[in-house]
């Protein structure tokens, strides 16, 4: 159950996605990145030489990072709540265990 939270946070990848779609995604990535390369080179040049463009891109990156951080922190709070509830369920069972010698 905890894996679901980590998958939603992007920390790990689901097993089905990892094993069934890895090769097609890799092939598509090679093809798409080859097509996108000239646009990326132009964008990097504009970022290095144009101050207004750099500010725009930095603002977009900061906005995207803030949105991702907010989503991740919300999922972490849900995970903490799930763990707390799970520990409360297991607490009576832990108290009933005989002492180890």
PDB file of N, CA and C in Angstrom:
ATOM      1  N   UNK A   1       0.813  -1.187   0.000  1.00  0.00           N
ATOM      2  CA  UNK A   1       0.000   0.000   0.000  1.00  0.00           C
ATOM      3  C   UNK A   1       0.861   1.257   0.000  1.00  0.00           C
ATOM      4  N   UNK A   2       1.975   1.228   0.710  1.00  0.00           N
ATOM      5  CA  UNK A   2       2.854   2.387   0.772  1.00  0.00           C
ATOM      6  C   UNK A   2       3.458   2.671  -0.600  1.00  0.00           C
ATOM      7  N   UNK A   3       3.659   1.620  -1.397  1.00  0.00           N
ATOM      8  CA  UNK A   3       4.213   1.797  -2.735  1.00  0.00           C
ATOM      9  C   UNK A   3       3.354   2.729  -3.579  1.00  0.00           C
ATOM     10  N   UNK A   4       2.047   2.687  -3.381  1.00  0.00           N
ATOM     11  CA  UNK A   4       1.154   3.541  -4.158  1.00  0.00           C
ATOM     12  C   UNK A   4       1.491   5.009  -3.926  1.00  0.00           C
ATOM     13  N   UNK A   5       1.782   5.378  -2.696  1.00  0.00           N
ATOM     14  CA  UNK A   5       2.132   6.766  -2.405  1.00  0.00           C
ATOM     15  C   UNK A   5       3.450   7.148  -3.080  1.00  0.00           C
ATOM     16  N   UNK A   6       4.426   6.252  -3.046  1.00  0.00           N
ATOM     17  CA  UNK A   6       5.704   6.550  -3.674  1.00  0.00           C
ATOM     18  C   UNK A   6       5.585   6.603  -5.191  1.00  0.00           C
ATOM     19  N   UNK A   7       4.721   5.801  -5.769  1.00  0.00           N
ATOM     20  CA  UNK A   7       4.471   5.881  -7.207  1.00  0.00           C
ATOM     21  C   UNK A   7       3.832   7.210  -7.552  1.00  0.00           C
ATOM     22  N   UNK A   8       2.859   7.660  -6.749  1.00  0.00           N
ATOM     23  CA  UNK A   8       2.204   8.947  -6.996  1.00  0.00           C
ATOM     24  C   UNK A   8       3.167  10.113  -6.831  1.00  0.00           C
ATOM     25  N   UNK A   9       4.154   9.990  -5.940  1.00  0.00           N
ATOM     26  CA  UNK A   9       5.147  11.049  -5.759  1.00  0.00           C
ATOM     27  C   UNK A   9       6.201  11.027  -6.858  1.00  0.00           C
ATOM     28  N   UNK A  10       6.262   9.940  -7.623  1.00  0.00           N
ATOM     29  CA  UNK A  10       7.275   9.835  -8.652  1.00  0.00           C
ATOM     30  C   UNK A  10       8.601   9.303  -8.136  1.00  0.00           C
ATOM     31  N   UNK A  11       8.608   8.764  -6.930  1.00  0.00           N
ATOM     32  CA  UNK A  11       9.835   8.237  -6.343  1.00  0.00           C
ATOM     33  C   UNK A  11      10.196   6.872  -6.942  1.00  0.00           C
ATOM     34  N   UNK A  12       9.179   6.055  -7.209  1.00  0.00           N
ATOM     35  CA  UNK A  12       9.403   4.750  -7.834  1.00  0.00           C
ATOM     36  C   UNK A  12       8.433   4.609  -8.983  1.00  0.00           C
ATOM     37  N   UNK A  13       8.668   3.605  -9.806  1.00  0.00           N
ATOM     38  CA  UNK A  13       7.828   3.354 -10.969  1.00  0.00           C
ATOM     39  C   UNK A  13       7.073   2.049 -10.744  1.00  0.00           C
ATOM     40  N   UNK A  14       5.849   1.983 -11.223  1.00  0.00           N
ATOM     41  CA  UNK A  14       5.070   0.757 -11.037  1.00  0.00           C
ATOM     42  C   UNK A  14       5.717  -0.390 -11.822  1.00  0.00           C
ATOM     43  N   UNK A  15       5.533  -1.597 -11.314  1.00  0.00           N
ATOM     44  CA  UNK A  15       6.173  -2.757 -11.931  1.00  0.00           C
ATOM     45  C   UNK A  15       5.672  -2.992 -13.351  1.00  0.00           C
ATOM     46  N   UNK A  16       4.376  -2.866 -13.562  1.00  0.00           N
ATOM     47  CA  UNK A  16       3.837  -3.071 -14.903  1.00  0.00           C
ATOM     48  C   UNK A  16       4.399  -2.089 -15.895  1.00  0.00           C
ATOM     49  N   UNK A  17       4.441  -0.843 -15.493  1.00  0.00           N
ATOM     50  CA  UNK A  17       4.975   0.175 -16.394  1.00  0.00           C
ATOM     51  C   UNK A  17       6.465  -0.067 -16.656  1.00  0.00           C
ATOM     52  N   UNK A  18       7.172  -0.469 -15.633  1.00  0.00           N
ATOM     53  CA  UNK A  18       8.608  -0.680 -15.792  1.00  0.00           C
ATOM     54  C   UNK A  18       8.908  -1.817 -16.763  1.00  0.00           C
ATOM     55  N   UNK A  19       8.222  -2.949 -16.620  1.00  0.00           N
ATOM     56  CA  UNK A  19       8.581  -4.120 -17.398  1.00  0.00           C
ATOM     57  C   UNK A  19       7.854  -4.225 -18.738  1.00  0.00           C
ATOM     58  N   UNK A  20       6.652  -3.677 -18.829  1.00  0.00           N
ATOM     59  CA  UNK A  20       5.901  -3.821 -20.072  1.00  0.00           C
ATOM     60  C   UNK A  20       6.135  -2.681 -21.061  1.00  0.00           C
ATOM     61  N   UNK A  21       6.376  -1.506 -20.558  1.00  0.00           N
ATOM     62  CA  UNK A  21       6.452  -0.365 -21.471  1.00  0.00           C
ATOM     63  C   UNK A  21       7.833   0.263 -21.561  1.00  0.00           C
ATOM     64  N   UNK A  22       8.826  -0.319 -20.920  1.00  0.00           N
ATOM     65  CA  UNK A  22      10.151   0.302 -20.919  1.00  0.00           C
ATOM     66  C   UNK A  22      10.742   0.388 -22.330  1.00  0.00           C
ATOM     67  N   UNK A  23      10.759  -0.717 -23.050  1.00  0.00           N
ATOM     68  CA  UNK A  23      11.375  -0.719 -24.377  1.00  0.00           C
ATOM     69  C   UNK A  23      10.657   0.205 -25.359  1.00  0.00           C
ATOM     70  N   UNK A  24       9.306   0.150 -25.470  1.00  0.00           N
ATOM     71  CA  UNK A  24       8.653   1.092 -26.397  1.00  0.00           C
ATOM     72  C   UNK A  24       8.867   2.557 -26.012  1.00  0.00           C
ATOM     73  N   UNK A  25       8.862   2.850 -24.719  1.00  0.00           N
ATOM     74  CA  UNK A  25       9.105   4.239 -24.297  1.00  0.00           C
ATOM     75  C   UNK A  25      10.526   4.661 -24.621  1.00  0.00           C
ATOM     76  N   UNK A  26      11.488   3.756 -24.469  1.00  0.00           N
ATOM     77  CA  UNK A  26      12.867   4.075 -24.785  1.00  0.00           C
ATOM     78  C   UNK A  26      13.024   4.356 -26.282  1.00  0.00           C
ATOM     79  N   UNK A  27      12.413   3.533 -27.119  1.00  0.00           N
ATOM     80  CA  UNK A  27      12.500   3.742 -28.570  1.00  0.00           C
ATOM     81  C   UNK A  27      11.831   5.056 -28.966  1.00  0.00           C
ATOM     82  N   UNK A  28      10.669   5.344 -28.383  1.00  0.00           N
ATOM     83  CA  UNK A  28       9.992   6.597 -28.681  1.00  0.00           C
ATOM     84  C   UNK A  28      10.838   7.779 -28.223  1.00  0.00           C
ATOM     85  N   UNK A  29      11.480   7.658 -27.087  1.00  0.00           N
ATOM     86  CA  UNK A  29      12.310   8.733 -26.558  1.00  0.00           C
ATOM     87  C   UNK A  29      13.476   9.030 -27.499  1.00  0.00           C
ATOM     88  N   UNK A  30      14.111   8.006 -28.002  1.00  0.00           N
ATOM     89  CA  UNK A  30      15.225   8.208 -28.946  1.00  0.00           C
ATOM     90  C   UNK A  30      14.723   8.937 -30.180  1.00  0.00           C
ATOM     91  N   UNK A  31      13.601   8.499 -30.730  1.00  0.00           N
ATOM     92  CA  UNK A  31      13.040   9.133 -31.931  1.00  0.00           C
ATOM     93  C   UNK A  31      12.636  10.578 -31.655  1.00  0.00           C
ATOM     94  N   UNK A  32      11.886  10.806 -30.573  1.00  0.00           N
ATOM     95  CA  UNK A  32      11.373  12.143 -30.279  1.00  0.00           C
ATOM     96  C   UNK A  32      12.501  13.103 -29.930  1.00  0.00           C
ATOM     97  N   UNK A  33      13.495  12.646 -29.191  1.00  0.00           N
ATOM     98  CA  UNK A  33      14.598  13.535 -28.844  1.00  0.00           C
ATOM     99  C   UNK A  33      15.440  13.899 -30.054  1.00  0.00           C
ATOM    100  N   UNK A  34      15.525  13.016 -31.024  1.00  0.00           N
ATOM    101  CA  UNK A  34      16.221  13.346 -32.261  1.00  0.00           C
ATOM    102  C   UNK A  34      15.490  14.461 -33.001  1.00  0.00           C
ATOM    103  N   UNK A  35      14.170  14.408 -33.004  1.00  0.00           N
ATOM    104  CA  UNK A  35      13.372  15.430 -33.671  1.00  0.00           C
ATOM    105  C   UNK A  35      13.425  16.754 -32.892  1.00  0.00           C
ATOM    106  N   UNK A  36      13.432  16.684 -31.564  1.00  0.00           N
ATOM    107  CA  UNK A  36      13.394  17.887 -30.735  1.00  0.00           C
ATOM    108  C   UNK A  36      14.754  18.554 -30.559  1.00  0.00           C
ATOM    109  N   UNK A  37      15.829  17.913 -30.951  1.00  0.00           N
ATOM    110  CA  UNK A  37      17.164  18.431 -30.702  1.00  0.00           C
ATOM    111  C   UNK A  37      17.398  19.845 -31.247  1.00  0.00           C
ATOM    112  N   UNK A  38      17.052  20.145 -32.509  1.00  0.00           N
ATOM    113  CA  UNK A  38      17.276  21.518 -32.990  1.00  0.00           C
ATOM    114  C   UNK A  38      16.528  22.566 -32.162  1.00  0.00           C
ATOM    115  N   UNK A  39      15.313  22.293 -31.766  1.00  0.00           N
ATOM    116  CA  UNK A  39      14.558  23.246 -30.946  1.00  0.00           C
ATOM    117  C   UNK A  39      15.222  23.426 -29.591  1.00  0.00           C
ATOM    118  N   UNK A  40      15.760  22.370 -29.040  1.00  0.00           N
ATOM    119  CA  UNK A  40      16.441  22.461 -27.747  1.00  0.00           C
ATOM    120  C   UNK A  40      17.717  23.301 -27.861  1.00  0.00           C
ATOM    121  N   UNK A  41      18.448  23.129 -28.948  1.00  0.00           N
ATOM    122  CA  UNK A  41      19.672  23.905 -29.154  1.00  0.00           C
ATOM    123  C   UNK A  41      19.339  25.395 -29.258  1.00  0.00           C
ATOM    124  N   UNK A  42      18.290  25.729 -30.000  1.00  0.00           N
ATOM    125  CA  UNK A  42      17.868  27.125 -30.139  1.00  0.00           C
ATOM    126  C   UNK A  42      17.421  27.684 -28.792  1.00  0.00           C
ATOM    127  N   UNK A  43      16.670  26.907 -28.042  1.00  0.00           N
ATOM    128  CA  UNK A  43      16.211  27.350 -26.736  1.00  0.00           C
ATOM    129  C   UNK A  43      17.388  27.604 -25.790  1.00  0.00           C
ATOM    130  N   UNK A  44      18.373  26.734 -25.798  1.00  0.00           N
ATOM    131  CA  UNK A  44      19.557  26.929 -24.957  1.00  0.00           C
ATOM    132  C   UNK A  44      20.320  28.190 -25.357  1.00  0.00           C
ATOM    133  N   UNK A  45      20.431  28.427 -26.654  1.00  0.00           N
ATOM    134  CA  UNK A  45      21.107  29.631 -27.121  1.00  0.00           C
ATOM    135  C   UNK A  45      20.362  30.881 -26.668  1.00  0.00           C
ATOM    136  N   UNK A  46      19.035  30.875 -26.817  1.00  0.00           N
ATOM    137  CA  UNK A  46      18.241  32.017 -26.383  1.00  0.00           C
ATOM    138  C   UNK A  46      18.352  32.214 -24.869  1.00  0.00           C
ATOM    139  N   UNK A  47      18.384  31.128 -24.123  1.00  0.00           N
ATOM    140  CA  UNK A  47      18.509  31.214 -22.664  1.00  0.00           C
ATOM    141  C   UNK A  47      19.840  31.864 -22.272  1.00  0.00           C
ATOM    142  N   UNK A  48      20.892  31.494 -22.993  1.00  0.00           N
ATOM    143  CA  UNK A  48      22.217  32.029 -22.675  1.00  0.00           C
ATOM    144  C   UNK A  48      22.394  33.484 -23.096  1.00  0.00           C
ATOM    145  N   UNK A  49      21.723  33.924 -24.148  1.00  0.00           N
ATOM    146  CA  UNK A  49      21.974  35.259 -24.692  1.00  0.00           C
ATOM    147  C   UNK A  49      20.882  36.279 -24.399  1.00  0.00           C
ATOM    148  N   UNK A  50      19.647  35.859 -24.135  1.00  0.00           N
ATOM    149  CA  UNK A  50      18.529  36.785 -23.973  1.00  0.00           C
ATOM    150  C   UNK A  50      18.086  36.799 -22.504  1.00  0.00           C
ATOM    151  N   UNK A  51      18.262  37.940 -21.854  1.00  0.00           N
ATOM    152  CA  UNK A  51      17.943  38.059 -20.436  1.00  0.00           C
ATOM    153  C   UNK A  51      16.441  37.905 -20.159  1.00  0.00           C
ATOM    154  N   UNK A  52      15.590  38.478 -21.007  1.00  0.00           N
ATOM    155  CA  UNK A  52      14.136  38.376 -20.808  1.00  0.00           C
ATOM    156  C   UNK A  52      13.674  36.923 -20.929  1.00  0.00           C
ATOM    157  N   UNK A  53      14.224  36.215 -21.913  1.00  0.00           N
ATOM    158  CA  UNK A  53      13.872  34.811 -22.104  1.00  0.00           C
ATOM    159  C   UNK A  53      14.317  33.989 -20.897  1.00  0.00           C
ATOM    160  N   UNK A  54      15.500  34.289 -20.371  1.00  0.00           N
ATOM    161  CA  UNK A  54      16.009  33.574 -19.200  1.00  0.00           C
ATOM    162  C   UNK A  54      15.087  33.787 -18.003  1.00  0.00           C
ATOM    163  N   UNK A  55      14.657  35.013 -17.794  1.00  0.00           N
ATOM    164  CA  UNK A  55      13.745  35.298 -16.685  1.00  0.00           C
ATOM    165  C   UNK A  55      12.419  34.564 -16.854  1.00  0.00           C
ATOM    166  N   UNK A  56      11.921  34.539 -18.084  1.00  0.00           N
ATOM    167  CA  UNK A  56      10.656  33.840 -18.371  1.00  0.00           C
ATOM    168  C   UNK A  56      10.785  32.349 -18.073  1.00  0.00           C
ATOM    169  N   UNK A  57      11.854  31.742 -18.563  1.00  0.00           N
ATOM    170  CA  UNK A  57      12.061  30.301 -18.357  1.00  0.00           C
ATOM    171  C   UNK A  57      12.284  30.001 -16.877  1.00  0.00           C
ATOM    172  N   UNK A  58      13.058  30.843 -16.191  1.00  0.00           N
ATOM    173  CA  UNK A  58      13.289  30.634 -14.761  1.00  0.00           C
ATOM    174  C   UNK A  58      11.989  30.743 -13.971  1.00  0.00           C
ATOM    175  N   UNK A  59      11.120  31.689 -14.358  1.00  0.00           N
ATOM    176  CA  UNK A  59       9.830  31.833 -13.678  1.00  0.00           C
ATOM    177  C   UNK A  59       8.949  30.610 -13.921  1.00  0.00           C
ATOM    178  N   UNK A  60       8.945  30.111 -15.155  1.00  0.00           N
ATOM    179  CA  UNK A  60       8.162  28.905 -15.464  1.00  0.00           C
ATOM    180  C   UNK A  60       8.687  27.696 -14.690  1.00  0.00           C
ATOM    181  N   UNK A  61      10.015  27.574 -14.615  1.00  0.00           N
ATOM    182  CA  UNK A  61      10.612  26.463 -13.864  1.00  0.00           C
ATOM    183  C   UNK A  61      10.289  26.555 -12.381  1.00  0.00           C
ATOM    184  N   UNK A  62      10.353  27.769 -11.830  1.00  0.00           N
ATOM    185  CA  UNK A  62      10.045  27.948 -10.405  1.00  0.00           C
ATOM    186  C   UNK A  62       8.580  27.626 -10.120  1.00  0.00           C
ATOM    187  N   UNK A  63       7.698  28.037 -11.028  1.00  0.00           N
ATOM    188  CA  UNK A  63       6.269  27.754 -10.865  1.00  0.00           C
ATOM    189  C   UNK A  63       6.007  26.242 -10.915  1.00  0.00           C
ATOM    190  N   UNK A  64       6.641  25.554 -11.876  1.00  0.00           N
ATOM    191  CA  UNK A  64       6.463  24.105 -11.990  1.00  0.00           C
ATOM    192  C   UNK A  64       7.032  23.387 -10.769  1.00  0.00           C
ATOM    193  N   UNK A  65       8.182  23.842 -10.273  1.00  0.00           N
ATOM    194  CA  UNK A  65       8.777  23.218  -9.092  1.00  0.00           C
ATOM    195  C   UNK A  65       7.910  23.433  -7.864  1.00  0.00           C
ATOM    196  N   UNK A  66       7.347  24.638  -7.716  1.00  0.00           N
ATOM    197  CA  UNK A  66       6.477  24.910  -6.571  1.00  0.00           C
ATOM    198  C   UNK A  66       5.226  24.034  -6.623  1.00  0.00           C
ATOM    199  N   UNK A  67       4.672  23.852  -7.817  1.00  0.00           N
ATOM    200  CA  UNK A  67       3.495  23.006  -7.976  1.00  0.00           C
ATOM    201  C   UNK A  67       3.827  21.544  -7.633  1.00  0.00           C
ATOM    202  N   UNK A  68       4.978  21.078  -8.105  1.00  0.00           N
ATOM    203  CA  UNK A  68       5.389  19.703  -7.813  1.00  0.00           C
ATOM    204  C   UNK A  68       5.671  19.521  -6.326  1.00  0.00           C
ATOM    205  N   UNK A  69       6.316  20.503  -5.708  1.00  0.00           N
ATOM    206  CA  UNK A  69       6.591  20.421  -4.270  1.00  0.00           C
ATOM    207  C   UNK A  69       5.307  20.397  -3.456  1.00  0.00           C
ATOM    208  N   UNK A  70       4.319  21.191  -3.871  1.00  0.00           N
ATOM    209  CA  UNK A  70       3.036  21.202  -3.159  1.00  0.00           C
ATOM    210  C   UNK A  70       2.349  19.839  -3.282  1.00  0.00           C
ATOM    211  N   UNK A  71       2.387  19.266  -4.472  1.00  0.00           N
ATOM    212  CA  UNK A  71       1.770  17.949  -4.686  1.00  0.00           C
ATOM    213  C   UNK A  71       2.488  16.888  -3.856  1.00  0.00           C
ATOM    214  N   UNK A  72       3.815  16.924  -3.867  1.00  0.00           N
ATOM    215  CA  UNK A  72       4.595  15.945  -3.120  1.00  0.00           C
ATOM    216  C   UNK A  72       4.360  16.076  -1.625  1.00  0.00           C
ATOM    217  N   UNK A  73       4.312  17.305  -1.125  1.00  0.00           N
ATOM    218  CA  UNK A  73       4.083  17.469   0.311  1.00  0.00           C
ATOM    219  C   UNK A  73       2.683  16.995   0.706  1.00  0.00           C
ATOM    220  N   UNK A  74       1.700  17.198  -0.162  1.00  0.00           N
ATOM    221  CA  UNK A  74       0.344  16.708   0.121  1.00  0.00           C
ATOM    222  C   UNK A  74       0.335  15.175   0.168  1.00  0.00           C
ATOM    223  N   UNK A  75       1.012  14.544  -0.769  1.00  0.00           N
ATOM    224  CA  UNK A  75       1.066  13.081  -0.785  1.00  0.00           C
ATOM    225  C   UNK A  75       1.830  12.561   0.428  1.00  0.00           C
ATOM    226  N   UNK A  76       2.894  13.264   0.832  1.00  0.00           N
ATOM    227  CA  UNK A  76       3.641  12.854   2.026  1.00  0.00           C
ATOM    228  C   UNK A  76       2.776  12.934   3.274  1.00  0.00           C
ATOM    229  N   UNK A  77       1.947  13.966   3.362  1.00  0.00           N
ATOM    230  CA  UNK A  77       1.033  14.079   4.502  1.00  0.00           C
ATOM    231  C   UNK A  77       0.028  12.923   4.508  1.00  0.00           C
ATOM    232  N   UNK A  78      -0.482  12.571   3.334  1.00  0.00           N
ATOM    233  CA  UNK A  78      -1.398  11.431   3.241  1.00  0.00           C
ATOM    234  C   UNK A  78      -0.696  10.149   3.659  1.00  0.00           C
ATOM    235  N   UNK A  79       0.574   9.993   3.248  1.00  0.00           N
ATOM    236  CA  UNK A  79       1.356   8.815   3.621  1.00  0.00           C
ATOM    237  C   UNK A  79       1.572   8.760   5.129  1.00  0.00           C
ATOM    238  N   UNK A  80       1.908   9.893   5.741  1.00  0.00           N
ATOM    239  CA  UNK A  80       2.088   9.927   7.197  1.00  0.00           C
ATOM    240  C   UNK A  80       0.801   9.539   7.920  1.00  0.00           C
ATOM    241  N   UNK A  81      -0.324  10.026   7.420  1.00  0.00           N
ATOM    242  CA  UNK A  81      -1.616   9.693   8.025  1.00  0.00           C
ATOM    243  C   UNK A  81      -1.901   8.196   7.882  1.00  0.00           C
ATOM    244  N   UNK A  82      -1.609   7.630   6.705  1.00  0.00           N
ATOM    245  CA  UNK A  82      -1.812   6.195   6.486  1.00  0.00           C
ATOM    246  C   UNK A  82      -0.941   5.379   7.437  1.00  0.00           C
ATOM    247  N   UNK A  83       0.322   5.766   7.584  1.00  0.00           N
ATOM    248  CA  UNK A  83       1.224   5.033   8.469  1.00  0.00           C
ATOM    249  C   UNK A  83       0.757   5.141   9.916  1.00  0.00           C
ATOM    250  N   UNK A  84       0.320   6.325  10.321  1.00  0.00           N
ATOM    251  CA  UNK A  84      -0.178   6.514  11.687  1.00  0.00           C
ATOM    252  C   UNK A  84      -1.378   5.607  11.942  1.00  0.00           C
ATOM    253  N   UNK A  85      -2.338   5.566  11.000  1.00  0.00           N
ATOM    254  CA  UNK A  85      -3.519   4.711  11.160  1.00  0.00           C
ATOM    255  C   UNK A  85      -3.127   3.240  11.188  1.00  0.00           C
ATOM    256  N   UNK A  86      -2.160   2.859  10.355  1.00  0.00           N
ATOM    257  CA  UNK A  86      -1.722   1.469  10.316  1.00  0.00           C
ATOM    258  C   UNK A  86      -1.050   1.079  11.629  1.00  0.00           C
ATOM    259  N   UNK A  87      -0.255   1.976  12.187  1.00  0.00           N
ATOM    260  CA  UNK A  87       0.381   1.683  13.476  1.00  0.00           C
ATOM    261  C   UNK A  87      -0.641   1.592  14.598  1.00  0.00           C
ATOM    262  N   UNK A  88      -1.674   2.411  14.533  1.00  0.00           N
ATOM    263  CA  UNK A  88      -2.736   2.324  15.548  1.00  0.00           C
ATOM    264  C   UNK A  88      -3.451   0.980  15.469  1.00  0.00           C
ATOM    265  N   UNK A  89      -3.647   0.456  14.267  1.00  0.00           N
ATOM    266  CA  UNK A  89      -4.290  -0.849  14.116  1.00  0.00           C
ATOM    267  C   UNK A  89      -3.412  -1.955  14.672  1.00  0.00           C
ATOM    268  N   UNK A  90      -2.094  -1.837  14.503  1.00  0.00           N
ATOM    269  CA  UNK A  90      -1.175  -2.889  14.926  1.00  0.00           C
ATOM    270  C   UNK A  90      -0.791  -2.780  16.402  1.00  0.00           C
ATOM    271  N   UNK A  91      -1.058  -1.674  17.029  1.00  0.00           N
ATOM    272  CA  UNK A  91      -0.652  -1.466  18.416  1.00  0.00           C
ATOM    273  C   UNK A  91      -1.194  -2.545  19.362  1.00  0.00           C
ATOM    274  N   UNK A  92      -2.493  -2.907  19.302  1.00  0.00           N
ATOM    275  CA  UNK A  92      -2.972  -3.966  20.205  1.00  0.00           C
ATOM    276  C   UNK A  92      -2.271  -5.305  19.977  1.00  0.00           C
ATOM    277  N   UNK A  93      -1.960  -5.614  18.743  1.00  0.00           N
ATOM    278  CA  UNK A  93      -1.277  -6.872  18.451  1.00  0.00           C
ATOM    279  C   UNK A  93       0.149  -6.857  19.006  1.00  0.00           C
ATOM    280  N   UNK A  94       0.799  -5.711  18.931  1.00  0.00           N
ATOM    281  CA  UNK A  94       2.159  -5.620  19.458  1.00  0.00           C
ATOM    282  C   UNK A  94       2.181  -5.755  20.973  1.00  0.00           C
ATOM    283  N   UNK A  95       1.170  -5.230  21.650  1.00  0.00           N
ATOM    284  CA  UNK A  95       1.105  -5.330  23.110  1.00  0.00           C
ATOM    285  C   UNK A  95       0.816  -6.761  23.563  1.00  0.00           C
ATOM    286  N   UNK A  96       0.137  -7.539  22.726  1.00  0.00           N
ATOM    287  CA  UNK A  96      -0.244  -8.893  23.096  1.00  0.00           C
ATOM    288  C   UNK A  96       0.893  -9.905  22.887  1.00  0.00           C
ATOM    289  N   UNK A  97       1.970  -9.508  22.236  1.00  0.00           N
ATOM    290  CA  UNK A  97       3.071 -10.431  22.003  1.00  0.00           C
ATOM    291  C   UNK A  97       3.760 -10.788  23.325  1.00  0.00           C
ATOM    292  N   UNK A  98       4.167 -12.047  23.456  1.00  0.00           N
ATOM    293  CA  UNK A  98       4.892 -12.430  24.685  1.00  0.00           C
ATOM    294  C   UNK A  98       6.300 -11.836  24.645  1.00  0.00           C
ATOM    295  N   UNK A  99       6.879 -11.562  25.787  1.00  0.00           N
ATOM    296  CA  UNK A  99       8.243 -10.987  25.818  1.00  0.00           C
ATOM    297  C   UNK A  99       9.256 -11.995  25.302  1.00  0.00           C
ATOM    298  N   UNK A 100      10.247 -11.467  24.597  1.00  0.00           N
ATOM    299  CA  UNK A 100      11.305 -12.327  24.056  1.00  0.00           C
ATOM    300  C   UNK A 100      12.388 -12.516  25.094  1.00  0.00           C
ATOM    301  N   UNK A 101      12.960 -13.714  25.140  1.00  0.00           N
ATOM    302  CA  UNK A 101      14.033 -14.006  26.093  1.00  0.00           C
ATOM    303  C   UNK A 101      15.364 -14.088  25.405  1.00  0.00           C
TER     304      UNK A 101
END
